[in-house]
C-alpha cells in the first residue's frame, strides 16, 4: 500500500472513531455546547472526505464482497451525517440513533480491512 493511502487510512479510521465517540457522548447529554458539536462535524467531514479519497485510490470500480461491505459502511456514514445536519432540532434523539449506525459503519470498515488482508 502506498504511504499516502496508509496515511489516509489512519486519518479515516481516527476520524470515524472520534465521530462515533463524540456522537455517543452527545447522545447521553441533555444539552450540547457548540464546541462539542464542532468537534463532531469536523470528525465527520474528515471521516467522509478521507473515506471518499480512499475509495477513489483503492476501490474504484470494485465489486467484490469487500467493496460491498465498505459500501454499506459508507452508506451508513452518509445517512448519519445527513441526519445529524438536517435534524438539528432533535439532536439528542438523532445522536442516539446515529450512534448505532456509526458503530455498524465502524464494524463494516474493520471487516473490509480484514477481507482486504485475506483474514476473512
C-alpha atoms as a PDB file:
ATOM      1  CA  UNK A   1       0.000   0.000   0.000  1.00  0.00           C
ATOM      2  CA  UNK A   2       1.414   3.408  -0.908  1.00  0.00           C
ATOM      3  CA  UNK A   3       2.362   5.633   2.030  1.00  0.00           C
ATOM      4  CA  UNK A   4      -0.281   8.222   1.072  1.00  0.00           C
ATOM      5  CA  UNK A   5      -3.009   5.571   1.188  1.00  0.00           C
ATOM      6  CA  UNK A   6      -1.749   4.299   4.550  1.00  0.00           C
ATOM      7  CA  UNK A   7      -1.834   7.823   5.980  1.00  0.00           C
ATOM      8  CA  UNK A   8      -5.327   8.377   4.586  1.00  0.00           C
ATOM      9  CA  UNK A   9      -6.486   5.075   6.070  1.00  0.00           C
ATOM     10  CA  UNK A  10      -5.208   6.048   9.528  1.00  0.00           C
ATOM     11  CA  UNK A  11      -6.782   9.501   9.295  1.00  0.00           C
ATOM     12  CA  UNK A  12     -10.044   7.934   8.120  1.00  0.00           C
ATOM     13  CA  UNK A  13     -10.099   5.449  10.996  1.00  0.00           C
ATOM     14  CA  UNK A  14      -9.267   8.149  13.553  1.00  0.00           C
ATOM     15  CA  UNK A  15     -11.938  10.495  12.177  1.00  0.00           C
ATOM     16  CA  UNK A  16     -14.564   7.742  12.175  1.00  0.00           C
ATOM     17  CA  UNK A  17     -13.705   6.699  15.718  1.00  0.00           C
ATOM     18  CA  UNK A  18     -13.827  10.279  17.040  1.00  0.00           C
ATOM     19  CA  UNK A  19     -17.086  10.922  15.180  1.00  0.00           C
ATOM     20  CA  UNK A  20     -18.684   7.830  16.688  1.00  0.00           C
ATOM     21  CA  UNK A  21     -17.349   8.574  20.176  1.00  0.00           C
ATOM     22  CA  UNK A  22     -18.479  12.191  20.203  1.00  0.00           C
ATOM     23  CA  UNK A  23     -21.889  11.182  18.828  1.00  0.00           C
ATOM     24  CA  UNK A  24     -22.246   8.628  21.619  1.00  0.00           C
ATOM     25  CA  UNK A  25     -21.206  11.241  24.195  1.00  0.00           C
ATOM     26  CA  UNK A  26     -23.662  13.790  22.804  1.00  0.00           C
ATOM     27  CA  UNK A  27     -26.488  11.250  22.828  1.00  0.00           C
ATOM     28  CA  UNK A  28     -26.089  10.921  26.598  1.00  0.00           C
ATOM     29  CA  UNK A  29     -26.164  14.672  27.319  1.00  0.00           C
ATOM     30  CA  UNK A  30     -29.247  16.818  27.858  1.00  0.00           C
ATOM     31  CA  UNK A  31     -27.595  19.820  26.212  1.00  0.00           C
ATOM     32  CA  UNK A  32     -24.555  20.036  23.994  1.00  0.00           C
ATOM     33  CA  UNK A  33     -22.266  23.024  23.597  1.00  0.00           C
ATOM     34  CA  UNK A  34     -21.095  24.432  20.275  1.00  0.00           C
ATOM     35  CA  UNK A  35     -17.526  23.183  20.790  1.00  0.00           C
ATOM     36  CA  UNK A  36     -18.644  19.550  21.038  1.00  0.00           C
ATOM     37  CA  UNK A  37     -20.880  19.980  18.005  1.00  0.00           C
ATOM     38  CA  UNK A  38     -17.956  21.451  16.057  1.00  0.00           C
ATOM     39  CA  UNK A  39     -15.738  18.508  17.001  1.00  0.00           C
ATOM     40  CA  UNK A  40     -18.458  16.095  15.874  1.00  0.00           C
ATOM     41  CA  UNK A  41     -18.890  17.781  12.499  1.00  0.00           C
ATOM     42  CA  UNK A  42     -15.138  18.178  11.865  1.00  0.00           C
ATOM     43  CA  UNK A  43     -14.570  14.499  12.641  1.00  0.00           C
ATOM     44  CA  UNK A  44     -17.486  13.578  10.349  1.00  0.00           C
ATOM     45  CA  UNK A  45     -16.069  15.635   7.483  1.00  0.00           C
ATOM     46  CA  UNK A  46     -12.601  14.133   7.984  1.00  0.00           C
ATOM     47  CA  UNK A  47     -14.005  10.585   8.044  1.00  0.00           C
ATOM     48  CA  UNK A  48     -16.174  11.082   4.958  1.00  0.00           C
ATOM     49  CA  UNK A  49     -13.586  13.018   2.912  1.00  0.00           C
ATOM     50  CA  UNK A  50     -10.740  10.603   3.610  1.00  0.00           C
ATOM     51  CA  UNK A  51     -13.046   7.631   3.040  1.00  0.00           C
ATOM     52  CA  UNK A  52     -14.067   9.022  -0.331  1.00  0.00           C
ATOM     53  CA  UNK A  53     -10.458   9.590  -1.321  1.00  0.00           C
ATOM     54  CA  UNK A  54      -9.504   6.078  -0.201  1.00  0.00           C
ATOM     55  CA  UNK A  55     -12.351   4.694  -2.278  1.00  0.00           C
ATOM     56  CA  UNK A  56     -11.065   6.508  -5.361  1.00  0.00           C
ATOM     57  CA  UNK A  57      -7.483   5.354  -4.742  1.00  0.00           C
ATOM     58  CA  UNK A  58      -8.052   1.724  -3.798  1.00  0.00           C
ATOM     59  CA  UNK A  59     -11.560   0.530  -4.658  1.00  0.00           C
ATOM     60  CA  UNK A  60     -12.831   2.438  -7.691  1.00  0.00           C
ATOM     61  CA  UNK A  61     -14.785   0.059  -9.915  1.00  0.00           C
ATOM     62  CA  UNK A  62     -14.513  -2.832  -7.464  1.00  0.00           C
ATOM     63  CA  UNK A  63     -17.433  -5.211  -6.981  1.00  0.00           C
ATOM     64  CA  UNK A  64     -16.027  -7.787  -4.583  1.00  0.00           C
ATOM     65  CA  UNK A  65     -17.646  -8.716  -1.246  1.00  0.00           C
ATOM     66  CA  UNK A  66     -15.102  -6.428   0.448  1.00  0.00           C
ATOM     67  CA  UNK A  67     -16.293  -3.442  -1.588  1.00  0.00           C
ATOM     68  CA  UNK A  68     -19.902  -4.358  -0.786  1.00  0.00           C
ATOM     69  CA  UNK A  69     -19.148  -4.274   2.948  1.00  0.00           C
ATOM     70  CA  UNK A  70     -17.362  -0.939   2.574  1.00  0.00           C
ATOM     71  CA  UNK A  71     -20.284   0.472   0.556  1.00  0.00           C
ATOM     72  CA  UNK A  72     -22.651  -0.483   3.381  1.00  0.00           C
ATOM     73  CA  UNK A  73     -20.414   1.302   5.891  1.00  0.00           C
ATOM     74  CA  UNK A  74     -20.140   4.376   3.676  1.00  0.00           C
ATOM     75  CA  UNK A  75     -23.909   4.446   3.194  1.00  0.00           C
ATOM     76  CA  UNK A  76     -24.491   4.300   6.944  1.00  0.00           C
ATOM     77  CA  UNK A  77     -21.986   7.122   7.404  1.00  0.00           C
ATOM     78  CA  UNK A  78     -23.772   9.257   4.812  1.00  0.00           C
ATOM     79  CA  UNK A  79     -27.173   8.605   6.398  1.00  0.00           C
ATOM     80  CA  UNK A  80     -25.750   9.501   9.832  1.00  0.00           C
ATOM     81  CA  UNK A  81     -24.156  12.717   8.589  1.00  0.00           C
ATOM     82  CA  UNK A  82     -27.314  13.772   6.748  1.00  0.00           C
ATOM     83  CA  UNK A  83     -29.461  13.105   9.826  1.00  0.00           C
ATOM     84  CA  UNK A  84     -27.074  14.992  12.118  1.00  0.00           C
ATOM     85  CA  UNK A  85     -27.003  18.023   9.816  1.00  0.00           C
ATOM     86  CA  UNK A  86     -30.662  18.125   8.786  1.00  0.00           C
ATOM     87  CA  UNK A  87     -32.414  17.128  12.006  1.00  0.00           C
ATOM     88  CA  UNK A  88     -30.772  19.614  14.374  1.00  0.00           C
ATOM     89  CA  UNK A  89     -33.913  20.330  16.482  1.00  0.00           C
ATOM     90  CA  UNK A  90     -33.977  16.671  17.521  1.00  0.00           C
ATOM     91  CA  UNK A  91     -30.217  16.409  18.013  1.00  0.00           C
ATOM     92  CA  UNK A  92     -30.259  14.163  21.104  1.00  0.00           C
ATOM     93  CA  UNK A  93     -32.571  11.555  19.564  1.00  0.00           C
ATOM     94  CA  UNK A  94     -30.749  11.754  16.245  1.00  0.00           C
ATOM     95  CA  UNK A  95     -27.426  11.166  18.003  1.00  0.00           C
ATOM     96  CA  UNK A  96     -28.881   8.180  19.851  1.00  0.00           C
ATOM     97  CA  UNK A  97     -29.967   6.625  16.559  1.00  0.00           C
ATOM     98  CA  UNK A  98     -26.856   7.538  14.596  1.00  0.00           C
ATOM     99  CA  UNK A  99     -24.550   6.163  17.295  1.00  0.00           C
ATOM    100  CA  UNK A 100     -25.808   2.716  16.326  1.00  0.00           C
ATOM    101  CA  UNK A 101     -25.406   3.435  12.599  1.00  0.00           C
ATOM    102  CA  UNK A 102     -21.874   4.722  13.079  1.00  0.00           C
ATOM    103  CA  UNK A 103     -20.922   1.728  15.226  1.00  0.00           C
ATOM    104  CA  UNK A 104     -22.111  -0.594  12.458  1.00  0.00           C
ATOM    105  CA  UNK A 105     -20.185   1.516   9.926  1.00  0.00           C
ATOM    106  CA  UNK A 106     -17.025   1.092  12.033  1.00  0.00           C
ATOM    107  CA  UNK A 107     -17.567  -2.668  12.096  1.00  0.00           C
ATOM    108  CA  UNK A 108     -18.002  -2.626   8.302  1.00  0.00           C
ATOM    109  CA  UNK A 109     -14.709  -0.740   7.989  1.00  0.00           C
ATOM    110  CA  UNK A 110     -12.954  -3.334  10.157  1.00  0.00           C
ATOM    111  CA  UNK A 111     -14.498  -6.250   8.248  1.00  0.00           C
ATOM    112  CA  UNK A 112     -13.482  -4.666   4.939  1.00  0.00           C
ATOM    113  CA  UNK A 113      -9.933  -4.249   6.223  1.00  0.00           C
ATOM    114  CA  UNK A 114      -9.810  -7.889   7.334  1.00  0.00           C
ATOM    115  CA  UNK A 115     -11.170  -9.020   3.969  1.00  0.00           C
ATOM    116  CA  UNK A 116      -8.531  -6.967   2.180  1.00  0.00           C
ATOM    117  CA  UNK A 117      -5.822  -8.558   4.313  1.00  0.00           C
ATOM    118  CA  UNK A 118      -7.178 -12.021   3.463  1.00  0.00           C
ATOM    119  CA  UNK A 119      -8.263 -12.837   7.024  1.00  0.00           C
ATOM    120  CA  UNK A 120     -11.994 -13.140   6.377  1.00  0.00           C
END
